[in-house]
């Protein structure tokens, strides 16, 4: 069985040197809060370092970011009540 090489163009810069990555850790940050998300996969541009997650990794990364936004809003509401 032969594995075919996939060429992807970067959506940010147009370069065709996107490389696949698997099972990596990324950190999401918002309003002083941080959350680490493990096991993410996708593509990284060698020219500009842009990241394009695969569908499941994008969902998990976005969910972590959403959770931080909700946490920050709750924290702000508590501070306003003081």
PDB file of N, CA and C in Angstrom:
ATOM      1  N   UNK A   1       0.846  -1.182   0.000  1.00  0.00           N
ATOM      2  CA  UNK A   1       0.000   0.000   0.000  1.00  0.00           C
ATOM      3  C   UNK A   1       0.888   1.242   0.000  1.00  0.00           C
ATOM      4  N   UNK A   2       0.618   2.173  -0.864  1.00  0.00           N
ATOM      5  CA  UNK A   2       1.403   3.391  -0.997  1.00  0.00           C
ATOM      6  C   UNK A   2       0.677   4.541  -0.325  1.00  0.00           C
ATOM      7  N   UNK A   3       1.395   5.318   0.467  1.00  0.00           N
ATOM      8  CA  UNK A   3       0.826   6.498   1.103  1.00  0.00           C
ATOM      9  C   UNK A   3       1.054   7.700   0.200  1.00  0.00           C
ATOM     10  N   UNK A   4      -0.015   8.376  -0.144  1.00  0.00           N
ATOM     11  CA  UNK A   4       0.085   9.539  -1.010  1.00  0.00           C
ATOM     12  C   UNK A   4       0.336  10.786  -0.168  1.00  0.00           C
ATOM     13  N   UNK A   5       1.258  11.600  -0.604  1.00  0.00           N
ATOM     14  CA  UNK A   5       1.561  12.847   0.092  1.00  0.00           C
ATOM     15  C   UNK A   5       0.461  13.868  -0.195  1.00  0.00           C
ATOM     16  N   UNK A   6       0.006  14.536   0.839  1.00  0.00           N
ATOM     17  CA  UNK A   6      -1.035  15.549   0.704  1.00  0.00           C
ATOM     18  C   UNK A   6      -0.386  16.918   0.773  1.00  0.00           C
ATOM     19  N   UNK A   7      -0.665  17.758  -0.200  1.00  0.00           N
ATOM     20  CA  UNK A   7      -0.153  19.126  -0.196  1.00  0.00           C
ATOM     21  C   UNK A   7      -1.307  20.042   0.177  1.00  0.00           C
ATOM     22  N   UNK A   8      -1.092  20.848   1.197  1.00  0.00           N
ATOM     23  CA  UNK A   8      -2.103  21.817   1.639  1.00  0.00           C
ATOM     24  C   UNK A   8      -1.522  23.207   1.549  1.00  0.00           C
ATOM     25  N   UNK A   9      -2.368  24.128   1.145  1.00  0.00           N
ATOM     26  CA  UNK A   9      -1.967  25.537   1.121  1.00  0.00           C
ATOM     27  C   UNK A   9      -2.422  26.199   2.404  1.00  0.00           C
ATOM     28  N   UNK A  10      -1.590  27.066   2.928  1.00  0.00           N
ATOM     29  CA  UNK A  10      -1.914  27.804   4.145  1.00  0.00           C
ATOM     30  C   UNK A  10      -2.981  28.852   3.836  1.00  0.00           C
ATOM     31  N   UNK A  11      -4.024  28.880   4.643  1.00  0.00           N
ATOM     32  CA  UNK A  11      -5.090  29.866   4.459  1.00  0.00           C
ATOM     33  C   UNK A  11      -4.621  31.275   4.792  1.00  0.00           C
ATOM     34  N   UNK A  12      -3.600  31.387   5.636  1.00  0.00           N
ATOM     35  CA  UNK A  12      -3.122  32.709   6.054  1.00  0.00           C
ATOM     36  C   UNK A  12      -2.163  33.331   5.041  1.00  0.00           C
ATOM     37  N   UNK A  13      -1.196  32.528   4.543  1.00  0.00           N
ATOM     38  CA  UNK A  13      -0.157  33.112   3.692  1.00  0.00           C
ATOM     39  C   UNK A  13      -0.082  32.499   2.292  1.00  0.00           C
ATOM     40  N   UNK A  14      -0.784  31.399   2.071  1.00  0.00           N
ATOM     41  CA  UNK A  14      -0.803  30.768   0.758  1.00  0.00           C
ATOM     42  C   UNK A  14       0.345  29.811   0.486  1.00  0.00           C
ATOM     43  N   UNK A  15       1.296  29.719   1.386  1.00  0.00           N
ATOM     44  CA  UNK A  15       2.431  28.820   1.200  1.00  0.00           C
ATOM     45  C   UNK A  15       1.935  27.372   1.143  1.00  0.00           C
ATOM     46  N   UNK A  16       2.599  26.540   0.400  1.00  0.00           N
ATOM     47  CA  UNK A  16       2.190  25.144   0.238  1.00  0.00           C
ATOM     48  C   UNK A  16       2.996  24.181   1.104  1.00  0.00           C
ATOM     49  N   UNK A  17       3.639  24.681   2.149  1.00  0.00           N
ATOM     50  CA  UNK A  17       4.459  23.825   3.017  1.00  0.00           C
ATOM     51  C   UNK A  17       3.787  23.522   4.350  1.00  0.00           C
ATOM     52  N   UNK A  18       2.525  23.195   4.331  1.00  0.00           N
ATOM     53  CA  UNK A  18       1.837  22.788   5.551  1.00  0.00           C
ATOM     54  C   UNK A  18       2.302  21.380   5.914  1.00  0.00           C
ATOM     55  N   UNK A  19       2.593  21.162   7.192  1.00  0.00           N
ATOM     56  CA  UNK A  19       3.019  19.847   7.658  1.00  0.00           C
ATOM     57  C   UNK A  19       2.038  19.342   8.717  1.00  0.00           C
ATOM     58  N   UNK A  20       1.787  18.068   8.701  1.00  0.00           N
ATOM     59  CA  UNK A  20       0.852  17.426   9.618  1.00  0.00           C
ATOM     60  C   UNK A  20       1.489  17.295  11.001  1.00  0.00           C
ATOM     61  N   UNK A  21       0.676  17.486  12.049  1.00  0.00           N
ATOM     62  CA  UNK A  21       1.118  17.192  13.415  1.00  0.00           C
ATOM     63  C   UNK A  21       0.026  16.383  14.100  1.00  0.00           C
ATOM     64  N   UNK A  22       0.421  15.588  15.052  1.00  0.00           N
ATOM     65  CA  UNK A  22      -0.502  14.714  15.786  1.00  0.00           C
ATOM     66  C   UNK A  22      -0.219  14.805  17.280  1.00  0.00           C
ATOM     67  N   UNK A  23      -1.263  14.678  18.069  1.00  0.00           N
ATOM     68  CA  UNK A  23      -1.156  14.510  19.521  1.00  0.00           C
ATOM     69  C   UNK A  23      -0.274  15.566  20.188  1.00  0.00           C
ATOM     70  N   UNK A  24      -0.548  16.834  19.884  1.00  0.00           N
ATOM     71  CA  UNK A  24       0.225  17.915  20.501  1.00  0.00           C
ATOM     72  C   UNK A  24      -0.626  18.683  21.503  1.00  0.00           C
ATOM     73  N   UNK A  25       0.059  19.407  22.368  1.00  0.00           N
ATOM     74  CA  UNK A  25      -0.568  20.190  23.430  1.00  0.00           C
ATOM     75  C   UNK A  25      -0.549  21.667  23.036  1.00  0.00           C
ATOM     76  N   UNK A  26      -1.691  22.331  23.201  1.00  0.00           N
ATOM     77  CA  UNK A  26      -1.799  23.771  22.964  1.00  0.00           C
ATOM     78  C   UNK A  26      -2.453  24.408  24.180  1.00  0.00           C
ATOM     79  N   UNK A  27      -2.144  25.664  24.412  1.00  0.00           N
ATOM     80  CA  UNK A  27      -2.724  26.401  25.526  1.00  0.00           C
ATOM     81  C   UNK A  27      -3.618  27.511  24.986  1.00  0.00           C
ATOM     82  N   UNK A  28      -4.830  27.583  25.525  1.00  0.00           N
ATOM     83  CA  UNK A  28      -5.783  28.635  25.194  1.00  0.00           C
ATOM     84  C   UNK A  28      -5.707  29.664  26.318  1.00  0.00           C
ATOM     85  N   UNK A  29      -5.676  30.932  25.976  1.00  0.00           N
ATOM     86  CA  UNK A  29      -5.622  31.989  26.996  1.00  0.00           C
ATOM     87  C   UNK A  29      -6.693  33.028  26.716  1.00  0.00           C
ATOM     88  N   UNK A  30      -7.314  33.517  27.798  1.00  0.00           N
ATOM     89  CA  UNK A  30      -8.314  34.584  27.689  1.00  0.00           C
ATOM     90  C   UNK A  30      -8.394  35.315  29.021  1.00  0.00           C
ATOM     91  N   UNK A  31      -8.261  36.612  28.985  1.00  0.00           N
ATOM     92  CA  UNK A  31      -8.472  37.469  30.149  1.00  0.00           C
ATOM     93  C   UNK A  31      -7.699  36.986  31.386  1.00  0.00           C
ATOM     94  N   UNK A  32      -6.456  36.594  31.185  1.00  0.00           N
ATOM     95  CA  UNK A  32      -5.620  36.152  32.294  1.00  0.00           C
ATOM     96  C   UNK A  32      -5.813  34.708  32.698  1.00  0.00           C
ATOM     97  N   UNK A  33      -6.736  34.008  32.074  1.00  0.00           N
ATOM     98  CA  UNK A  33      -6.981  32.599  32.368  1.00  0.00           C
ATOM     99  C   UNK A  33      -6.328  31.747  31.280  1.00  0.00           C
ATOM    100  N   UNK A  34      -5.923  30.533  31.642  1.00  0.00           N
ATOM    101  CA  UNK A  34      -5.274  29.641  30.677  1.00  0.00           C
ATOM    102  C   UNK A  34      -5.798  28.223  30.867  1.00  0.00           C
ATOM    103  N   UNK A  35      -5.898  27.521  29.754  1.00  0.00           N
ATOM    104  CA  UNK A  35      -6.297  26.110  29.796  1.00  0.00           C
ATOM    105  C   UNK A  35      -5.474  25.355  28.763  1.00  0.00           C
ATOM    106  N   UNK A  36      -4.924  24.220  29.162  1.00  0.00           N
ATOM    107  CA  UNK A  36      -4.136  23.384  28.274  1.00  0.00           C
ATOM    108  C   UNK A  36      -5.037  22.306  27.674  1.00  0.00           C
ATOM    109  N   UNK A  37      -4.902  22.101  26.366  1.00  0.00           N
ATOM    110  CA  UNK A  37      -5.678  21.077  25.667  1.00  0.00           C
ATOM    111  C   UNK A  37      -4.671  20.102  25.046  1.00  0.00           C
ATOM    112  N   UNK A  38      -4.750  18.849  25.450  1.00  0.00           N
ATOM    113  CA  UNK A  38      -3.831  17.812  24.964  1.00  0.00           C
ATOM    114  C   UNK A  38      -4.425  17.051  23.787  1.00  0.00           C
ATOM    115  N   UNK A  39      -3.564  16.383  23.038  1.00  0.00           N
ATOM    116  CA  UNK A  39      -3.995  15.456  22.001  1.00  0.00           C
ATOM    117  C   UNK A  39      -4.578  16.094  20.760  1.00  0.00           C
ATOM    118  N   UNK A  40      -4.122  17.298  20.413  1.00  0.00           N
ATOM    119  CA  UNK A  40      -4.659  17.971  19.230  1.00  0.00           C
ATOM    120  C   UNK A  40      -3.860  17.623  17.984  1.00  0.00           C
ATOM    121  N   UNK A  41      -4.553  17.584  16.842  1.00  0.00           N
ATOM    122  CA  UNK A  41      -3.942  17.233  15.564  1.00  0.00           C
ATOM    123  C   UNK A  41      -4.380  18.213  14.501  1.00  0.00           C
ATOM    124  N   UNK A  42      -3.580  18.332  13.464  1.00  0.00           N
ATOM    125  CA  UNK A  42      -3.925  19.215  12.356  1.00  0.00           C
ATOM    126  C   UNK A  42      -2.721  19.490  11.481  1.00  0.00           C
ATOM    127  N   UNK A  43      -2.639  20.728  10.990  1.00  0.00           N
ATOM    128  CA  UNK A  43      -1.591  21.136  10.063  1.00  0.00           C
ATOM    129  C   UNK A  43      -0.957  22.432  10.549  1.00  0.00           C
ATOM    130  N   UNK A  44       0.359  22.576  10.327  1.00  0.00           N
ATOM    131  CA  UNK A  44       1.087  23.792  10.701  1.00  0.00           C
ATOM    132  C   UNK A  44       1.853  24.277   9.470  1.00  0.00           C
ATOM    133  N   UNK A  45       1.795  25.583   9.212  1.00  0.00           N
ATOM    134  CA  UNK A  45       2.496  26.167   8.076  1.00  0.00           C
ATOM    135  C   UNK A  45       3.960  26.385   8.444  1.00  0.00           C
ATOM    136  N   UNK A  46       4.854  25.914   7.594  1.00  0.00           N
ATOM    137  CA  UNK A  46       6.287  26.106   7.831  1.00  0.00           C
ATOM    138  C   UNK A  46       6.714  27.543   7.564  1.00  0.00           C
ATOM    139  N   UNK A  47       5.942  28.282   6.778  1.00  0.00           N
ATOM    140  CA  UNK A  47       6.317  29.657   6.437  1.00  0.00           C
ATOM    141  C   UNK A  47       5.900  30.655   7.516  1.00  0.00           C
ATOM    142  N   UNK A  48       4.650  30.562   7.976  1.00  0.00           N
ATOM    143  CA  UNK A  48       4.140  31.588   8.903  1.00  0.00           C
ATOM    144  C   UNK A  48       3.701  31.035  10.257  1.00  0.00           C
ATOM    145  N   UNK A  49       3.788  29.709  10.450  1.00  0.00           N
ATOM    146  CA  UNK A  49       3.444  29.039  11.706  1.00  0.00           C
ATOM    147  C   UNK A  49       1.946  29.034  12.002  1.00  0.00           C
ATOM    148  N   UNK A  50       1.116  29.324  11.015  1.00  0.00           N
ATOM    149  CA  UNK A  50      -0.344  29.239  11.167  1.00  0.00           C
ATOM    150  C   UNK A  50      -0.721  27.793  11.485  1.00  0.00           C
ATOM    151  N   UNK A  51      -1.751  27.619  12.308  1.00  0.00           N
ATOM    152  CA  UNK A  51      -2.246  26.300  12.679  1.00  0.00           C
ATOM    153  C   UNK A  51      -3.641  26.111  12.101  1.00  0.00           C
ATOM    154  N   UNK A  52      -3.884  24.928  11.538  1.00  0.00           N
ATOM    155  CA  UNK A  52      -5.227  24.532  11.093  1.00  0.00           C
ATOM    156  C   UNK A  52      -5.521  23.189  11.736  1.00  0.00           C
ATOM    157  N   UNK A  53      -6.372  23.192  12.771  1.00  0.00           N
ATOM    158  CA  UNK A  53      -6.713  21.951  13.461  1.00  0.00           C
ATOM    159  C   UNK A  53      -7.635  21.110  12.595  1.00  0.00           C
ATOM    160  N   UNK A  54      -7.595  19.778  12.796  1.00  0.00           N
ATOM    161  CA  UNK A  54      -8.598  18.936  12.165  1.00  0.00           C
ATOM    162  C   UNK A  54      -9.931  19.186  12.891  1.00  0.00           C
ATOM    163  N   UNK A  55     -11.024  18.657  12.376  1.00  0.00           N
ATOM    164  CA  UNK A  55     -12.360  19.008  12.882  1.00  0.00           C
ATOM    165  C   UNK A  55     -12.537  18.728  14.379  1.00  0.00           C
ATOM    166  N   UNK A  56     -12.162  17.549  14.823  1.00  0.00           N
ATOM    167  CA  UNK A  56     -12.346  17.199  16.235  1.00  0.00           C
ATOM    168  C   UNK A  56     -11.447  18.038  17.138  1.00  0.00           C
ATOM    169  N   UNK A  57     -10.217  18.269  16.717  1.00  0.00           N
ATOM    170  CA  UNK A  57      -9.304  19.091  17.513  1.00  0.00           C
ATOM    171  C   UNK A  57      -9.793  20.537  17.566  1.00  0.00           C
ATOM    172  N   UNK A  58     -10.304  21.042  16.462  1.00  0.00           N
ATOM    173  CA  UNK A  58     -10.840  22.409  16.437  1.00  0.00           C
ATOM    174  C   UNK A  58     -12.018  22.546  17.400  1.00  0.00           C
ATOM    175  N   UNK A  59     -12.880  21.529  17.438  1.00  0.00           N
ATOM    176  CA  UNK A  59     -14.028  21.552  18.349  1.00  0.00           C
ATOM    177  C   UNK A  59     -13.555  21.592  19.798  1.00  0.00           C
ATOM    178  N   UNK A  60     -12.587  20.762  20.147  1.00  0.00           N
ATOM    179  CA  UNK A  60     -12.086  20.704  21.519  1.00  0.00           C
ATOM    180  C   UNK A  60     -11.359  21.987  21.923  1.00  0.00           C
ATOM    181  N   UNK A  61     -10.564  22.539  21.007  1.00  0.00           N
ATOM    182  CA  UNK A  61      -9.845  23.790  21.286  1.00  0.00           C
ATOM    183  C   UNK A  61     -10.839  24.936  21.484  1.00  0.00           C
ATOM    184  N   UNK A  62     -11.843  25.007  20.623  1.00  0.00           N
ATOM    185  CA  UNK A  62     -12.859  26.061  20.737  1.00  0.00           C
ATOM    186  C   UNK A  62     -13.669  25.909  22.024  1.00  0.00           C
ATOM    187  N   UNK A  63     -14.000  24.678  22.400  1.00  0.00           N
ATOM    188  CA  UNK A  63     -14.752  24.443  23.638  1.00  0.00           C
ATOM    189  C   UNK A  63     -13.951  24.907  24.850  1.00  0.00           C
ATOM    190  N   UNK A  64     -12.648  24.687  24.842  1.00  0.00           N
ATOM    191  CA  UNK A  64     -11.797  25.147  25.941  1.00  0.00           C
ATOM    192  C   UNK A  64     -11.799  26.677  25.997  1.00  0.00           C
ATOM    193  N   UNK A  65     -11.722  27.325  24.846  1.00  0.00           N
ATOM    194  CA  UNK A  65     -11.773  28.790  24.795  1.00  0.00           C
ATOM    195  C   UNK A  65     -13.111  29.323  25.283  1.00  0.00           C
ATOM    196  N   UNK A  66     -14.191  28.676  24.861  1.00  0.00           N
ATOM    197  CA  UNK A  66     -15.530  29.082  25.310  1.00  0.00           C
ATOM    198  C   UNK A  66     -15.660  28.971  26.827  1.00  0.00           C
ATOM    199  N   UNK A  67     -15.112  27.890  27.395  1.00  0.00           N
ATOM    200  CA  UNK A  67     -15.168  27.701  28.849  1.00  0.00           C
ATOM    201  C   UNK A  67     -14.414  28.821  29.571  1.00  0.00           C
ATOM    202  N   UNK A  68     -13.310  29.274  29.007  1.00  0.00           N
ATOM    203  CA  UNK A  68     -12.562  30.377  29.623  1.00  0.00           C
ATOM    204  C   UNK A  68     -13.349  31.682  29.566  1.00  0.00           C
ATOM    205  N   UNK A  69     -14.028  31.928  28.451  1.00  0.00           N
ATOM    206  CA  UNK A  69     -14.852  33.144  28.336  1.00  0.00           C
ATOM    207  C   UNK A  69     -15.950  33.124  29.390  1.00  0.00           C
ATOM    208  N   UNK A  70     -16.612  31.994  29.568  1.00  0.00           N
ATOM    209  CA  UNK A  70     -17.681  31.876  30.568  1.00  0.00           C
ATOM    210  C   UNK A  70     -17.120  32.072  31.975  1.00  0.00           C
ATOM    211  N   UNK A  71     -15.971  31.473  32.248  1.00  0.00           N
ATOM    212  CA  UNK A  71     -15.330  31.625  33.559  1.00  0.00           C
ATOM    213  C   UNK A  71     -14.960  33.093  33.821  1.00  0.00           C
ATOM    214  N   UNK A  72     -14.435  33.770  32.817  1.00  0.00           N
ATOM    215  CA  UNK A  72     -14.062  35.182  32.968  1.00  0.00           C
ATOM    216  C   UNK A  72     -15.300  36.037  33.223  1.00  0.00           C
ATOM    217  N   UNK A  73     -16.386  35.761  32.534  1.00  0.00           N
ATOM    218  CA  UNK A  73     -17.624  36.525  32.749  1.00  0.00           C
ATOM    219  C   UNK A  73     -18.168  36.317  34.156  1.00  0.00           C
ATOM    220  N   UNK A  74     -18.126  35.089  34.638  1.00  0.00           N
ATOM    221  CA  UNK A  74     -18.583  34.812  36.007  1.00  0.00           C
ATOM    222  C   UNK A  74     -17.727  35.564  37.012  1.00  0.00           C
ATOM    223  N   UNK A  75     -16.422  35.586  36.776  1.00  0.00           N
ATOM    224  CA  UNK A  75     -15.506  36.299  37.662  1.00  0.00           C
ATOM    225  C   UNK A  75     -15.817  37.794  37.662  1.00  0.00           C
ATOM    226  N   UNK A  76     -16.093  38.352  36.477  1.00  0.00           N
ATOM    227  CA  UNK A  76     -16.414  39.780  36.363  1.00  0.00           C
ATOM    228  C   UNK A  76     -17.736  40.095  37.073  1.00  0.00           C
ATOM    229  N   UNK A  77     -18.715  39.216  36.968  1.00  0.00           N
ATOM    230  CA  UNK A  77     -20.000  39.428  37.639  1.00  0.00           C
ATOM    231  C   UNK A  77     -19.817  39.438  39.153  1.00  0.00           C
ATOM    232  N   UNK A  78     -18.992  38.544  39.667  1.00  0.00           N
ATOM    233  CA  UNK A  78     -18.734  38.514  41.110  1.00  0.00           C
ATOM    234  C   UNK A  78     -18.083  39.799  41.572  1.00  0.00           C
ATOM    235  N   UNK A  79     -17.158  40.317  40.767  1.00  0.00           N
ATOM    236  CA  UNK A  79     -16.489  41.569  41.120  1.00  0.00           C
ATOM    237  C   UNK A  79     -17.445  42.758  41.080  1.00  0.00           C
ATOM    238  N   UNK A  80     -18.393  42.735  40.160  1.00  0.00           N
ATOM    239  CA  UNK A  80     -19.366  43.840  40.071  1.00  0.00           C
ATOM    240  C   UNK A  80     -20.324  43.825  41.263  1.00  0.00           C
ATOM    241  N   UNK A  81     -20.605  42.675  41.820  1.00  0.00           N
ATOM    242  CA  UNK A  81     -21.534  42.558  42.943  1.00  0.00           C
ATOM    243  C   UNK A  81     -20.932  43.068  44.244  1.00  0.00           C
ATOM    244  N   UNK A  82     -19.618  43.207  44.291  1.00  0.00           N
ATOM    245  CA  UNK A  82     -18.972  43.676  45.521  1.00  0.00           C
ATOM    246  C   UNK A  82     -19.260  45.080  45.779  1.00  0.00           C
TER     247      UNK A  82
END
